[in-house]
PDB file of N, CA and C in Angstrom:
ATOM      1  N   UNK A   1    -109.583-187.384  99.147  1.00  0.00           N
ATOM      2  CA  UNK A   1    -108.343-188.019  99.515  1.00  0.00           C
ATOM      3  C   UNK A   1    -108.591-189.215 100.461  1.00  0.00           C
ATOM      4  N   UNK A   2    -107.828-190.267 100.365  1.00  0.00           N
ATOM      5  CA  UNK A   2    -108.004-191.415 101.194  1.00  0.00           C
ATOM      6  C   UNK A   2    -107.581-191.167 102.620  1.00  0.00           C
ATOM      7  N   UNK A   3    -108.064-192.089 103.506  1.00  0.00           N
ATOM      8  CA  UNK A   3    -107.706-191.999 104.920  1.00  0.00           C
ATOM      9  C   UNK A   3    -106.816-193.167 105.285  1.00  0.00           C
ATOM     10  N   UNK A   4    -105.936-192.963 106.278  1.00  0.00           N
ATOM     11  CA  UNK A   4    -105.172-194.066 106.861  1.00  0.00           C
ATOM     12  C   UNK A   4    -105.418-194.133 108.308  1.00  0.00           C
ATOM     13  N   UNK A   5    -105.419-195.326 108.827  1.00  0.00           N
ATOM     14  CA  UNK A   5    -105.602-195.573 110.272  1.00  0.00           C
ATOM     15  C   UNK A   5    -104.247-196.074 110.772  1.00  0.00           C
ATOM     16  N   UNK A   6    -103.707-195.354 111.739  1.00  0.00           N
ATOM     17  CA  UNK A   6    -102.370-195.656 112.258  1.00  0.00           C
ATOM     18  C   UNK A   6    -102.506-196.145 113.675  1.00  0.00           C
ATOM     19  N   UNK A   7    -101.864-197.286 114.003  1.00  0.00           N
ATOM     20  CA  UNK A   7    -101.936-197.810 115.328  1.00  0.00           C
ATOM     21  C   UNK A   7    -100.480-198.153 115.731  1.00  0.00           C
ATOM     22  N   UNK A   8    -100.102-197.671 116.910  1.00  0.00           N
ATOM     23  CA  UNK A   8     -98.756-197.965 117.431  1.00  0.00           C
ATOM     24  C   UNK A   8     -98.743-199.340 118.039  1.00  0.00           C
ATOM     25  N   UNK A   9     -97.833-200.153 117.604  1.00  0.00           N
ATOM     26  CA  UNK A   9     -97.833-201.554 118.053  1.00  0.00           C
ATOM     27  C   UNK A   9     -96.522-201.935 118.829  1.00  0.00           C
ATOM     28  N   UNK A  10     -95.530-201.016 118.759  1.00  0.00           N
ATOM     29  CA  UNK A  10     -94.263-201.249 119.490  1.00  0.00           C
ATOM     30  C   UNK A  10     -93.973-199.951 120.281  1.00  0.00           C
ATOM     31  N   UNK A  11     -93.327-200.098 121.440  1.00  0.00           N
ATOM     32  CA  UNK A  11     -93.066-198.982 122.310  1.00  0.00           C
ATOM     33  C   UNK A  11     -92.015-198.046 121.743  1.00  0.00           C
ATOM     34  N   UNK A  12     -92.093-196.801 122.119  1.00  0.00           N
ATOM     35  CA  UNK A  12     -91.132-195.760 121.696  1.00  0.00           C
ATOM     36  C   UNK A  12     -89.988-195.630 122.716  1.00  0.00           C
ATOM     37  N   UNK A  13     -89.974-196.491 123.740  1.00  0.00           N
ATOM     38  CA  UNK A  13     -88.892-196.417 124.704  1.00  0.00           C
ATOM     39  C   UNK A  13     -87.595-196.860 124.018  1.00  0.00           C
ATOM     40  N   UNK A  14     -86.508-196.229 124.347  1.00  0.00           N
ATOM     41  CA  UNK A  14     -85.184-196.433 123.763  1.00  0.00           C
ATOM     42  C   UNK A  14     -85.137-196.108 122.275  1.00  0.00           C
ATOM     43  N   UNK A  15     -85.984-195.162 121.812  1.00  0.00           N
ATOM     44  CA  UNK A  15     -85.931-194.694 120.403  1.00  0.00           C
ATOM     45  C   UNK A  15     -85.373-193.291 120.452  1.00  0.00           C
ATOM     46  N   UNK A  16     -84.974-192.822 119.312  1.00  0.00           N
ATOM     47  CA  UNK A  16     -84.444-191.527 119.218  1.00  0.00           C
ATOM     48  C   UNK A  16     -85.501-190.419 119.497  1.00  0.00           C
ATOM     49  N   UNK A  17     -85.116-189.219 119.884  1.00  0.00           N
ATOM     50  CA  UNK A  17     -86.038-188.170 120.154  1.00  0.00           C
ATOM     51  C   UNK A  17     -86.883-187.835 118.891  1.00  0.00           C
ATOM     52  N   UNK A  18     -86.209-187.937 117.721  1.00  0.00           N
ATOM     53  CA  UNK A  18     -86.956-187.609 116.513  1.00  0.00           C
ATOM     54  C   UNK A  18     -88.081-188.609 116.264  1.00  0.00           C
ATOM     55  N   UNK A  19     -87.836-189.889 116.554  1.00  0.00           N
ATOM     56  CA  UNK A  19     -88.923-190.857 116.366  1.00  0.00           C
ATOM     57  C   UNK A  19     -90.047-190.647 117.385  1.00  0.00           C
ATOM     58  N   UNK A  20     -89.634-190.295 118.634  1.00  0.00           N
ATOM     59  CA  UNK A  20     -90.657-190.060 119.689  1.00  0.00           C
ATOM     60  C   UNK A  20     -91.509-188.816 119.257  1.00  0.00           C
ATOM     61  N   UNK A  21     -90.829-187.773 118.776  1.00  0.00           N
ATOM     62  CA  UNK A  21     -91.575-186.570 118.385  1.00  0.00           C
ATOM     63  C   UNK A  21     -92.501-186.876 117.234  1.00  0.00           C
ATOM     64  N   UNK A  22     -92.108-187.756 116.283  1.00  0.00           N
ATOM     65  CA  UNK A  22     -92.944-188.090 115.179  1.00  0.00           C
ATOM     66  C   UNK A  22     -94.227-188.834 115.602  1.00  0.00           C
ATOM     67  N   UNK A  23     -94.028-189.777 116.579  1.00  0.00           N
ATOM     68  CA  UNK A  23     -95.182-190.455 117.179  1.00  0.00           C
ATOM     69  C   UNK A  23     -96.166-189.409 117.784  1.00  0.00           C
ATOM     70  N   UNK A  24     -95.690-188.477 118.542  1.00  0.00           N
ATOM     71  CA  UNK A  24     -96.479-187.443 119.101  1.00  0.00           C
ATOM     72  C   UNK A  24     -97.183-186.619 118.063  1.00  0.00           C
ATOM     73  N   UNK A  25     -96.439-186.217 116.980  1.00  0.00           N
ATOM     74  CA  UNK A  25     -96.973-185.431 115.955  1.00  0.00           C
ATOM     75  C   UNK A  25     -98.090-186.110 115.183  1.00  0.00           C
ATOM     76  N   UNK A  26     -98.026-187.431 115.131  1.00  0.00           N
ATOM     77  CA  UNK A  26     -99.116-188.133 114.493  1.00  0.00           C
ATOM     78  C   UNK A  26    -100.362-188.265 115.356  1.00  0.00           C
ATOM     79  N   UNK A  27    -100.221-187.860 116.595  1.00  0.00           N
ATOM     80  CA  UNK A  27    -101.430-187.843 117.498  1.00  0.00           C
ATOM     81  C   UNK A  27    -101.634-189.140 118.230  1.00  0.00           C
ATOM     82  N   UNK A  28    -100.599-189.996 118.239  1.00  0.00           N
ATOM     83  CA  UNK A  28    -100.740-191.248 118.926  1.00  0.00           C
ATOM     84  C   UNK A  28    -100.434-191.101 120.387  1.00  0.00           C
ATOM     85  N   UNK A  29    -101.367-191.523 121.258  1.00  0.00           N
ATOM     86  CA  UNK A  29    -101.150-191.300 122.695  1.00  0.00           C
ATOM     87  C   UNK A  29    -100.747-192.550 123.460  1.00  0.00           C
ATOM     88  N   UNK A  30    -101.295-193.740 123.014  1.00  0.00           N
ATOM     89  CA  UNK A  30    -101.051-194.976 123.707  1.00  0.00           C
ATOM     90  C   UNK A  30    -100.862-196.097 122.686  1.00  0.00           C
ATOM     91  N   UNK A  31    -100.298-197.182 123.142  1.00  0.00           N
ATOM     92  CA  UNK A  31    -100.122-198.420 122.297  1.00  0.00           C
ATOM     93  C   UNK A  31    -101.595-198.878 121.968  1.00  0.00           C
ATOM     94  N   UNK A  32    -101.718-199.455 120.821  1.00  0.00           N
ATOM     95  CA  UNK A  32    -102.935-200.058 120.278  1.00  0.00           C
ATOM     96  C   UNK A  32    -104.163-199.147 120.330  1.00  0.00           C
ATOM     97  N   UNK A  33    -103.908-197.865 120.223  1.00  0.00           N
ATOM     98  CA  UNK A  33    -104.971-196.857 120.208  1.00  0.00           C
ATOM     99  C   UNK A  33    -104.931-196.193 118.786  1.00  0.00           C
ATOM    100  N   UNK A  34    -105.851-196.581 117.876  1.00  0.00           N
ATOM    101  CA  UNK A  34    -105.748-196.099 116.475  1.00  0.00           C
ATOM    102  C   UNK A  34    -106.070-194.637 116.332  1.00  0.00           C
ATOM    103  N   UNK A  35    -105.454-193.971 115.379  1.00  0.00           N
ATOM    104  CA  UNK A  35    -105.830-192.575 115.010  1.00  0.00           C
ATOM    105  C   UNK A  35    -106.012-192.548 113.476  1.00  0.00           C
ATOM    106  N   UNK A  36    -106.852-191.685 113.022  1.00  0.00           N
ATOM    107  CA  UNK A  36    -107.168-191.568 111.598  1.00  0.00           C
ATOM    108  C   UNK A  36    -106.701-190.287 111.025  1.00  0.00           C
ATOM    109  N   UNK A  37    -106.040-190.338 109.891  1.00  0.00           N
ATOM    110  CA  UNK A  37    -105.562-189.087 109.236  1.00  0.00           C
ATOM    111  C   UNK A  37    -105.837-189.235 107.703  1.00  0.00           C
ATOM    112  N   UNK A  38    -105.872-188.047 107.115  1.00  0.00           N
ATOM    113  CA  UNK A  38    -105.839-187.997 105.626  1.00  0.00           C
ATOM    114  C   UNK A  38    -104.485-188.479 105.135  1.00  0.00           C
ATOM    115  N   UNK A  39    -104.433-189.086 104.025  1.00  0.00           N
ATOM    116  CA  UNK A  39    -103.165-189.618 103.455  1.00  0.00           C
ATOM    117  C   UNK A  39    -102.452-188.533 102.619  1.00  0.00           C
ATOM    118  N   UNK A  40    -101.987-187.490 103.329  1.00  0.00           N
ATOM    119  CA  UNK A  40    -101.250-186.436 102.727  1.00  0.00           C
ATOM    120  C   UNK A  40     -99.798-186.851 102.607  1.00  0.00           C
ATOM    121  N   UNK A  41     -99.019-186.192 101.782  1.00  0.00           N
ATOM    122  CA  UNK A  41     -97.559-186.517 101.633  1.00  0.00           C
ATOM    123  C   UNK A  41     -96.807-186.322 102.958  1.00  0.00           C
ATOM    124  N   UNK A  42     -97.284-185.347 103.787  1.00  0.00           N
ATOM    125  CA  UNK A  42     -96.603-185.025 105.077  1.00  0.00           C
ATOM    126  C   UNK A  42     -96.857-186.208 106.027  1.00  0.00           C
ATOM    127  N   UNK A  43     -98.099-186.670 106.122  1.00  0.00           N
ATOM    128  CA  UNK A  43     -98.418-187.751 106.992  1.00  0.00           C
ATOM    129  C   UNK A  43     -97.736-189.081 106.540  1.00  0.00           C
ATOM    130  N   UNK A  44     -97.732-189.332 105.233  1.00  0.00           N
ATOM    131  CA  UNK A  44     -97.085-190.534 104.765  1.00  0.00           C
ATOM    132  C   UNK A  44     -95.561-190.474 104.990  1.00  0.00           C
ATOM    133  N   UNK A  45     -94.987-189.343 104.933  1.00  0.00           N
ATOM    134  CA  UNK A  45     -93.561-189.209 105.285  1.00  0.00           C
ATOM    135  C   UNK A  45     -93.257-189.511 106.743  1.00  0.00           C
ATOM    136  N   UNK A  46     -94.147-189.018 107.627  1.00  0.00           N
ATOM    137  CA  UNK A  46     -94.028-189.283 109.097  1.00  0.00           C
ATOM    138  C   UNK A  46     -94.158-190.803 109.349  1.00  0.00           C
ATOM    139  N   UNK A  47     -95.129-191.416 108.684  1.00  0.00           N
ATOM    140  CA  UNK A  47     -95.348-192.855 108.836  1.00  0.00           C
ATOM    141  C   UNK A  47     -94.118-193.650 108.360  1.00  0.00           C
ATOM    142  N   UNK A  48     -93.509-193.185 107.275  1.00  0.00           N
ATOM    143  CA  UNK A  48     -92.307-193.839 106.761  1.00  0.00           C
ATOM    144  C   UNK A  48     -91.192-193.833 107.786  1.00  0.00           C
ATOM    145  N   UNK A  49     -91.054-192.744 108.585  1.00  0.00           N
ATOM    146  CA  UNK A  49     -89.943-192.629 109.572  1.00  0.00           C
ATOM    147  C   UNK A  49     -90.143-193.543 110.756  1.00  0.00           C
ATOM    148  N   UNK A  50     -91.373-194.029 111.040  1.00  0.00           N
ATOM    149  CA  UNK A  50     -91.636-194.872 112.219  1.00  0.00           C
ATOM    150  C   UNK A  50     -92.371-196.155 111.813  1.00  0.00           C
ATOM    151  N   UNK A  51     -92.135-196.723 110.625  1.00  0.00           N
ATOM    152  CA  UNK A  51     -92.809-197.865 110.166  1.00  0.00           C
ATOM    153  C   UNK A  51     -92.580-199.069 111.046  1.00  0.00           C
ATOM    154  N   UNK A  52     -91.421-199.104 111.710  1.00  0.00           N
ATOM    155  CA  UNK A  52     -91.100-200.247 112.602  1.00  0.00           C
ATOM    156  C   UNK A  52     -91.893-200.195 113.935  1.00  0.00           C
ATOM    157  N   UNK A  53     -92.557-199.038 114.159  1.00  0.00           N
ATOM    158  CA  UNK A  53     -93.316-198.939 115.423  1.00  0.00           C
ATOM    159  C   UNK A  53     -94.808-198.941 115.220  1.00  0.00           C
ATOM    160  N   UNK A  54     -95.298-198.779 114.001  1.00  0.00           N
ATOM    161  CA  UNK A  54     -96.762-198.624 113.754  1.00  0.00           C
ATOM    162  C   UNK A  54     -97.276-199.620 112.737  1.00  0.00           C
ATOM    163  N   UNK A  55     -98.588-199.840 112.813  1.00  0.00           N
ATOM    164  CA  UNK A  55     -99.290-200.583 111.776  1.00  0.00           C
ATOM    165  C   UNK A  55    -100.232-199.634 111.068  1.00  0.00           C
ATOM    166  N   UNK A  56    -100.260-199.674 109.690  1.00  0.00           N
ATOM    167  CA  UNK A  56    -100.991-198.759 108.938  1.00  0.00           C
ATOM    168  C   UNK A  56    -102.035-199.486 108.088  1.00  0.00           C
ATOM    169  N   UNK A  57    -103.332-198.990 108.137  1.00  0.00           N
ATOM    170  CA  UNK A  57    -104.369-199.576 107.319  1.00  0.00           C
ATOM    171  C   UNK A  57    -104.990-198.461 106.497  1.00  0.00           C
ATOM    172  N   UNK A  58    -105.376-198.744 105.314  1.00  0.00           N
ATOM    173  CA  UNK A  58    -106.072-197.738 104.511  1.00  0.00           C
ATOM    174  C   UNK A  58    -107.597-197.886 104.653  1.00  0.00           C
ATOM    175  N   UNK A  59    -108.280-196.794 104.467  1.00  0.00           N
ATOM    176  CA  UNK A  59    -109.720-196.844 104.643  1.00  0.00           C
ATOM    177  C   UNK A  59    -110.389-196.533 103.341  1.00  0.00           C
TER     178      UNK A  59
END
């Protein structure tokens, strides 16, 4: 399975609790700190919910 690198580029301040929880569930701790995940349907669905806050690269 392919990998995706997710980097948060916008703040989660003034976002809904659901979006903040999604960022935490993706394992993102700080801005501009990339995390790597397998490209499973669950991860891709979470990315879709916060696309306005993150940058995604495929590996």
